[in-house]
Protein backbone atom coordinates (compact mmCIF):
# COMPACT_ATOMS: atom_id res chain seq x y z
CA MET A 1 27.59 -5.21 57.30
CA SER A 2 29.71 -8.36 56.83
CA GLU A 3 33.34 -8.25 55.47
CA TYR A 4 32.21 -10.06 52.47
CA SER A 5 29.45 -7.10 51.83
CA SER A 6 32.20 -4.52 52.70
CA LEU A 7 34.64 -6.19 50.20
CA LEU A 8 32.05 -6.16 47.40
CA SER A 9 30.97 -2.77 48.28
CA ASP A 10 34.65 -1.56 48.29
CA LEU A 11 35.19 -3.38 44.99
CA SER A 12 32.03 -1.84 43.34
CA GLU A 13 33.29 1.64 44.27
CA ASN A 14 36.40 1.06 42.16
CA ILE A 15 34.47 -0.29 39.01
CA THR A 16 32.93 2.09 36.67
CA ASN A 17 30.24 1.10 34.24
CA GLU A 18 32.84 1.10 31.61
CA ASP A 19 34.78 -1.23 33.56
CA VAL A 20 31.78 -3.46 34.06
CA GLU A 21 31.56 -4.13 30.03
CA GLN A 22 35.28 -4.99 30.07
CA LEU A 23 34.70 -7.57 33.13
CA LYS A 24 31.47 -8.88 31.25
CA SER A 25 33.59 -9.42 28.17
CA ALA A 26 36.19 -11.17 30.24
CA CYS A 27 33.60 -13.49 31.25
CA LYS A 28 31.45 -13.75 28.10
CA GLU A 29 31.47 -17.45 28.15
CA ASP A 30 29.90 -17.70 31.31
CA ILE A 31 27.02 -15.06 30.79
CA PRO A 32 24.54 -15.50 28.07
CA GLU A 33 24.40 -12.47 26.11
CA GLU A 34 20.86 -11.73 26.70
CA GLN A 35 21.53 -11.74 30.54
CA SER A 36 24.87 -9.78 29.78
CA ASN A 37 22.86 -6.82 28.36
CA SER A 38 20.70 -6.50 31.46
CA ILE A 39 23.90 -6.01 33.48
CA ILE A 40 24.83 -2.34 33.70
CA SER A 41 26.60 -2.12 37.12
CA SER A 42 29.15 -3.75 39.16
CA LYS A 43 26.48 -4.77 41.77
CA GLU A 44 24.49 -6.47 39.31
CA TRP A 45 27.41 -8.27 37.95
CA PHE A 46 28.34 -9.43 41.16
CA SER A 47 24.89 -10.51 41.92
CA TYR A 48 24.59 -12.42 38.81
CA LEU A 49 27.92 -14.21 39.61
CA GLU A 50 26.59 -15.32 42.95
CA LYS A 51 23.22 -16.36 41.78
CA ASN A 52 25.18 -18.44 39.19
CA ASP A 53 27.72 -20.04 41.62
CA LYS A 54 30.65 -18.24 40.33
CA LEU A 55 31.17 -16.03 43.67
CA ALA A 56 30.52 -16.83 47.25
CA GLN A 57 31.71 -15.52 50.51
CA ASP A 58 34.35 -18.48 50.62
CA ASP A 59 35.05 -18.70 47.04
CA LEU A 60 36.49 -15.76 45.25
CA SER A 61 38.43 -17.68 42.73
CA TYR A 62 36.49 -16.72 39.84
CA ILE A 63 36.77 -12.97 40.14
CA GLU A 64 40.48 -13.33 41.13
CA HIS A 65 40.53 -14.98 37.64
CA ILE A 66 38.46 -12.28 35.89
CA PHE A 67 40.26 -9.25 37.57
CA GLU A 68 43.80 -10.79 36.67
CA ILE A 69 43.00 -11.41 32.92
CA SER A 70 41.30 -7.82 32.88
CA ARG A 71 44.32 -6.25 34.10
CA ARG A 72 43.13 -4.90 37.37
CA PRO A 73 45.77 -5.68 39.90
CA ASP A 74 43.98 -2.80 42.20
CA LEU A 75 40.99 -5.04 42.46
CA LEU A 76 42.57 -8.47 42.54
CA THR A 77 44.66 -7.22 45.47
CA ARG A 78 41.77 -6.14 47.52
CA VAL A 79 40.35 -9.75 46.90
CA ILE A 80 43.61 -11.53 47.92
CA GLU A 81 43.94 -9.32 51.01
CA TYR A 82 40.47 -10.52 51.93
CA ARG A 83 41.18 -14.07 51.34
CA THR A 84 44.19 -14.01 53.47
CA THR A 85 42.82 -11.98 56.40
CA VAL A 86 39.33 -12.95 56.63
CA LEU A 87 39.34 -16.60 55.12
CA LYS A 88 42.80 -17.11 56.35
CA ILE A 89 43.83 -18.74 53.06
CA SER A 90 47.53 -17.85 52.37
CA GLU A 91 49.29 -18.40 48.90
CA ASP A 92 51.07 -21.63 50.30
CA ASP A 93 47.74 -23.04 51.43
CA GLU A 94 46.01 -22.09 48.03
CA ILE A 95 48.75 -23.81 46.16
CA ASP A 96 48.76 -26.94 48.28
CA THR A 97 44.88 -27.17 48.46
CA LYS A 98 44.35 -25.84 44.74
CA LEU A 99 41.38 -23.81 46.26
CA THR A 100 41.80 -20.79 44.08
CA ARG A 101 44.07 -19.64 41.32
CA ILE A 102 47.74 -18.54 42.05
CA PRO A 103 47.37 -14.52 42.62
CA SER A 104 49.84 -12.55 40.77
CA ALA A 105 48.89 -9.31 42.10
CA LYS A 106 51.12 -9.98 45.27
CA LYS A 107 53.96 -8.49 43.26
CA TYR A 108 52.11 -5.22 42.96
CA LYS A 109 50.47 -4.87 46.60
CA GLY A 110 51.03 -1.38 47.71
CA LYS A 111 51.85 -0.01 44.39
CA ASP A 112 49.77 2.29 42.17
CA PRO A 113 48.44 -0.04 39.57
CA PHE A 114 48.43 2.56 36.97
CA LYS A 115 52.25 2.96 37.40
CA VAL A 116 52.92 -0.43 36.75
CA PRO A 117 54.36 -0.77 33.28
CA PHE A 118 52.34 -3.06 31.01
CA LYS A 119 55.45 -5.01 29.79
CA SER A 120 56.23 -5.68 33.61
CA LEU A 121 53.00 -7.11 34.04
CA CYS A 122 52.99 -9.29 30.56
CA VAL A 123 56.58 -10.53 31.69
CA PHE A 124 55.17 -11.40 35.32
CA TYR A 125 52.14 -13.34 33.85
CA LEU A 126 54.29 -15.32 31.31
CA LYS A 127 56.72 -16.41 34.36
CA LYS A 128 53.57 -17.44 36.18
CA ILE A 129 52.10 -19.45 33.43
CA ASN A 130 55.50 -20.98 32.78
CA THR A 131 55.66 -21.88 36.41
CA ILE A 132 52.19 -23.45 36.45
CA ASN A 133 52.78 -25.42 33.31
CA ARG A 134 55.87 -26.94 34.88
CA SER A 135 54.04 -28.18 38.09
């Protein structure tokens, strides 16, 4: 099993069918409703994203964004770890080359995502947005 397949498998194990509904909602502009209705599992969601060029072994920026806006730092952290260890794209490289979105889950790496206060996440994201807007 490739490292990319292993990543998707790991992510799938941590996404419930209820989570899939939330993730589909977060990307509703990119998935037509009739196709969205047929996606019921995380594996089907990943497959749809791959077929529609939203997800690839070397381009995880779309799911990084979706996990970020869906408030899933646990999943976002796994994707960032894959990007930095397997693809060898660090945050600095990412900012310089604009390959993917600036990750915000780094702050929460190693922490239980369900114990991170919602207010802290909001403040952190607002600071990131202000930093990006100033660039």
